[in-house]
Amino acid sequence: MSETTDTTADAARGAVGPGERPANRAELLVCGLLALLGAVVLVDAATMADLPAAETGPIGPKAVPFAIGIGLLVCAAVLTVDVLRGGRGEAESGEDIDLDAPVDWRAVLLVIAFFLANAVLIEPLGWAISGAILFWGTAFALGSRSWLRDAAVSAGLSVGSFYAFAYGLGIILPPGVLKGIL
């Protein structure tokens, strides 16, 4: 048997040859999470309540969630096989970040704090104000120090998204203290 055939057979069994790395646990974790997400979507689609008003055509409201769930499971299976055969995700050659730099935990924790503040403040203050705080805080956490400009842009984004949801999608976000004004 030739050396090429042996290498192919070893790769199919998941054997690690010289210069190859064993399957990465983090990549296998991603495969597992992808499969779990697919299963959750399928279970949710299967237990979705039938809406008689939504059954106006040959394809009901369950078709898309089923297709997405099946697609997620197929992607998880294909990715798992690839990882077990030695496939590795590679950093994009055009990346302009230093992968050896430490994580900026201050920025991460600030973004989380502003997100949680938004979740707490959205009902009492409304989306326009809590969204502006979220957008401004995220810009601040990521290093912007143009506070006045950031506040103006954040206010524009939050009010603009309020009206985009209201008129574009028919979804009314909480107006909070600005009820009657917006």
Protein backbone atom coordinates (compact mmCIF):
# COMPACT_ATOMS: atom_id res chain seq x y z
CA MET A 1 0.00 0.00 0.00
CA SER A 2 1.33 3.46 -0.81
CA GLU A 3 2.16 6.16 1.73
CA THR A 4 -0.63 8.40 0.38
CA THR A 5 -3.25 5.71 0.97
CA ASP A 6 -1.97 5.16 4.55
CA THR A 7 -2.17 8.89 5.29
CA THR A 8 -5.71 9.07 3.92
CA ALA A 9 -6.78 6.07 5.99
CA ASP A 10 -5.16 7.58 9.14
CA ALA A 11 -6.95 10.87 8.54
CA ALA A 12 -10.27 9.06 8.13
CA ARG A 13 -9.73 7.30 11.49
CA GLY A 14 -8.78 10.62 13.12
CA ALA A 15 -5.20 9.50 13.76
CA VAL A 16 -2.69 12.27 14.27
CA GLY A 17 0.43 12.11 12.19
CA PRO A 18 3.68 14.03 12.52
CA GLY A 19 3.16 17.77 12.25
CA GLU A 20 -0.61 17.46 12.82
CA ARG A 21 -2.54 18.61 15.88
CA PRO A 22 -5.23 16.61 17.65
CA ALA A 23 -8.83 17.81 17.43
CA ASN A 24 -9.22 21.14 19.17
CA ARG A 25 -11.62 21.00 22.10
CA ALA A 26 -12.79 24.57 21.50
CA GLU A 27 -13.72 23.77 17.91
CA LEU A 28 -15.55 20.63 19.04
CA LEU A 29 -17.37 22.73 21.65
CA VAL A 30 -18.55 25.04 18.87
CA CYS A 31 -19.79 21.97 16.97
CA GLY A 32 -21.68 20.82 20.04
CA LEU A 33 -23.22 24.25 20.65
CA LEU A 34 -24.25 24.44 17.00
CA ALA A 35 -25.93 21.04 17.27
CA LEU A 36 -27.63 22.06 20.53
CA LEU A 37 -28.91 25.25 18.92
CA GLY A 38 -30.27 23.24 15.98
CA ALA A 39 -32.03 20.85 18.34
CA VAL A 40 -33.55 23.73 20.32
CA VAL A 41 -34.83 25.35 17.12
CA LEU A 42 -36.36 22.06 15.97
CA VAL A 43 -38.04 21.39 19.32
CA ASP A 44 -39.34 24.96 19.42
CA ALA A 45 -40.69 24.64 15.87
CA ALA A 46 -42.33 21.32 16.66
CA THR A 47 -44.07 22.74 19.74
CA MET A 48 -45.09 25.99 18.05
CA ALA A 49 -48.78 26.69 18.46
CA ASP A 50 -50.79 26.47 15.26
CA LEU A 51 -52.01 29.86 14.15
CA PRO A 52 -55.04 29.46 11.90
CA ALA A 53 -54.62 32.96 10.51
CA ALA A 54 -51.03 32.16 9.46
CA GLU A 55 -52.05 29.10 7.44
CA THR A 56 -52.95 31.04 4.32
CA GLY A 57 -50.65 29.29 1.90
CA PRO A 58 -48.99 25.94 1.24
CA ILE A 59 -46.08 26.76 3.58
CA GLY A 60 -46.99 27.50 7.19
CA PRO A 61 -45.05 29.37 9.85
CA LYS A 62 -43.21 26.20 10.95
CA ALA A 63 -41.39 25.68 7.65
CA VAL A 64 -38.61 28.23 8.15
CA PRO A 65 -37.73 27.20 11.75
CA PHE A 66 -37.62 23.55 10.65
CA ALA A 67 -35.35 24.42 7.71
CA ILE A 68 -33.06 26.47 9.95
CA GLY A 69 -32.92 23.74 12.62
CA ILE A 70 -32.08 21.06 10.06
CA GLY A 71 -29.50 23.36 8.47
CA LEU A 72 -27.85 23.95 11.86
CA LEU A 73 -27.68 20.21 12.55
CA VAL A 74 -26.20 19.51 9.11
CA CYS A 75 -23.60 22.27 9.59
CA ALA A 76 -22.74 20.89 13.05
CA ALA A 77 -22.28 17.38 11.64
CA VAL A 78 -20.14 18.52 8.70
CA LEU A 79 -18.03 20.76 10.95
CA THR A 80 -17.54 17.96 13.48
CA VAL A 81 -16.32 15.57 10.79
CA ASP A 82 -13.96 18.25 9.47
CA VAL A 83 -12.54 18.98 12.94
CA LEU A 84 -12.09 15.28 13.73
CA ARG A 85 -10.24 14.82 10.45
CA GLY A 86 -7.80 17.57 11.40
CA GLY A 87 -9.43 20.61 9.81
CA ARG A 88 -8.63 23.86 11.57
CA GLY A 89 -10.07 27.33 11.41
CA GLU A 90 -7.41 29.77 10.32
CA ALA A 91 -7.19 33.45 11.06
CA GLU A 92 -8.12 35.59 8.11
CA SER A 93 -5.00 36.85 6.36
CA GLY A 94 -6.42 40.36 6.28
CA GLU A 95 -6.90 40.59 10.05
CA ASP A 96 -5.38 43.72 11.45
CA ILE A 97 -5.51 42.80 15.12
CA ASP A 98 -2.77 41.49 17.32
CA LEU A 99 -3.84 38.01 18.38
CA ASP A 100 -1.16 38.00 21.07
CA ALA A 101 -2.54 41.14 22.77
CA PRO A 102 -4.39 40.54 26.03
CA VAL A 103 -8.16 40.91 26.24
CA ASP A 104 -9.32 44.38 27.28
CA TRP A 105 -11.53 43.22 30.16
CA ARG A 106 -12.38 46.80 31.12
CA ALA A 107 -14.02 47.38 27.74
CA VAL A 108 -15.80 44.01 27.83
CA LEU A 109 -17.17 44.60 31.33
CA LEU A 110 -18.25 48.17 30.48
CA VAL A 111 -20.18 46.98 27.41
CA ILE A 112 -21.86 44.29 29.52
CA ALA A 113 -22.70 46.89 32.19
CA PHE A 114 -24.28 49.25 29.66
CA PHE A 115 -26.22 46.37 28.11
CA LEU A 116 -27.58 45.35 31.51
CA ALA A 117 -28.39 49.00 32.30
CA ASN A 118 -30.38 49.10 29.05
CA ALA A 119 -32.31 45.99 30.07
CA VAL A 120 -33.19 47.54 33.43
CA LEU A 121 -33.98 51.05 32.12
CA ILE A 122 -35.91 50.21 28.95
CA GLU A 123 -39.33 50.00 30.66
CA PRO A 124 -39.16 53.02 32.96
CA LEU A 125 -37.23 55.37 30.64
CA GLY A 126 -38.22 53.94 27.26
CA TRP A 127 -36.17 52.79 24.31
CA ALA A 128 -35.21 56.26 23.08
CA ILE A 129 -33.41 57.10 26.32
CA SER A 130 -32.13 53.64 27.34
CA GLY A 131 -31.00 52.95 23.76
CA ALA A 132 -29.11 56.24 23.68
CA ILE A 133 -27.40 55.31 26.96
CA LEU A 134 -26.52 51.89 25.50
CA PHE A 135 -25.11 53.34 22.27
CA TRP A 136 -23.19 56.12 24.05
CA GLY A 137 -21.84 53.71 26.68
CA THR A 138 -20.68 51.23 24.07
CA ALA A 139 -18.84 53.96 22.17
CA PHE A 140 -17.25 55.11 25.44
CA ALA A 141 -16.26 51.55 26.42
CA LEU A 142 -14.64 51.01 23.02
CA GLY A 143 -12.48 54.11 23.38
CA SER A 144 -14.32 57.08 21.89
CA ARG A 145 -13.81 60.27 23.87
CA SER A 146 -15.96 62.62 21.75
CA TRP A 147 -18.72 62.56 24.37
CA LEU A 148 -20.90 65.29 22.92
CA ARG A 149 -20.77 63.93 19.37
CA ASP A 150 -21.36 60.39 20.66
CA ALA A 151 -24.39 61.60 22.64
CA ALA A 152 -25.88 63.26 19.56
CA VAL A 153 -25.28 60.21 17.36
CA SER A 154 -26.63 57.88 20.07
CA ALA A 155 -29.80 59.96 20.46
CA GLY A 156 -30.29 59.96 16.69
CA LEU A 157 -29.78 56.19 16.47
CA SER A 158 -32.14 55.38 19.31
CA VAL A 159 -34.94 57.71 18.15
CA GLY A 160 -34.40 56.65 14.53
CA SER A 161 -34.58 52.96 15.44
CA PHE A 162 -37.70 53.67 17.55
CA TYR A 163 -39.47 55.07 14.48
CA ALA A 164 -38.00 52.43 12.15
CA PHE A 165 -39.51 49.71 14.32
CA ALA A 166 -42.81 51.58 14.72
CA TYR A 167 -43.41 52.51 11.09
CA GLY A 168 -41.28 49.97 9.24
CA LEU A 169 -42.15 46.85 11.23
CA GLY A 170 -45.24 47.85 13.17
CA ILE A 171 -43.50 47.07 16.48
CA ILE A 172 -43.89 49.65 19.20
CA LEU A 173 -40.85 49.81 21.48
CA PRO A 174 -41.43 51.05 25.03
CA PRO A 175 -41.79 54.87 24.98
CA GLY A 176 -41.25 55.23 28.76
CA VAL A 177 -41.18 58.81 30.02
CA LEU A 178 -41.47 60.09 26.45
CA LYS A 179 -44.95 58.59 26.00
CA GLY A 180 -47.04 61.08 24.08
CA ILE A 181 -43.94 62.88 22.80
CA LEU A 182 -42.65 60.19 20.44
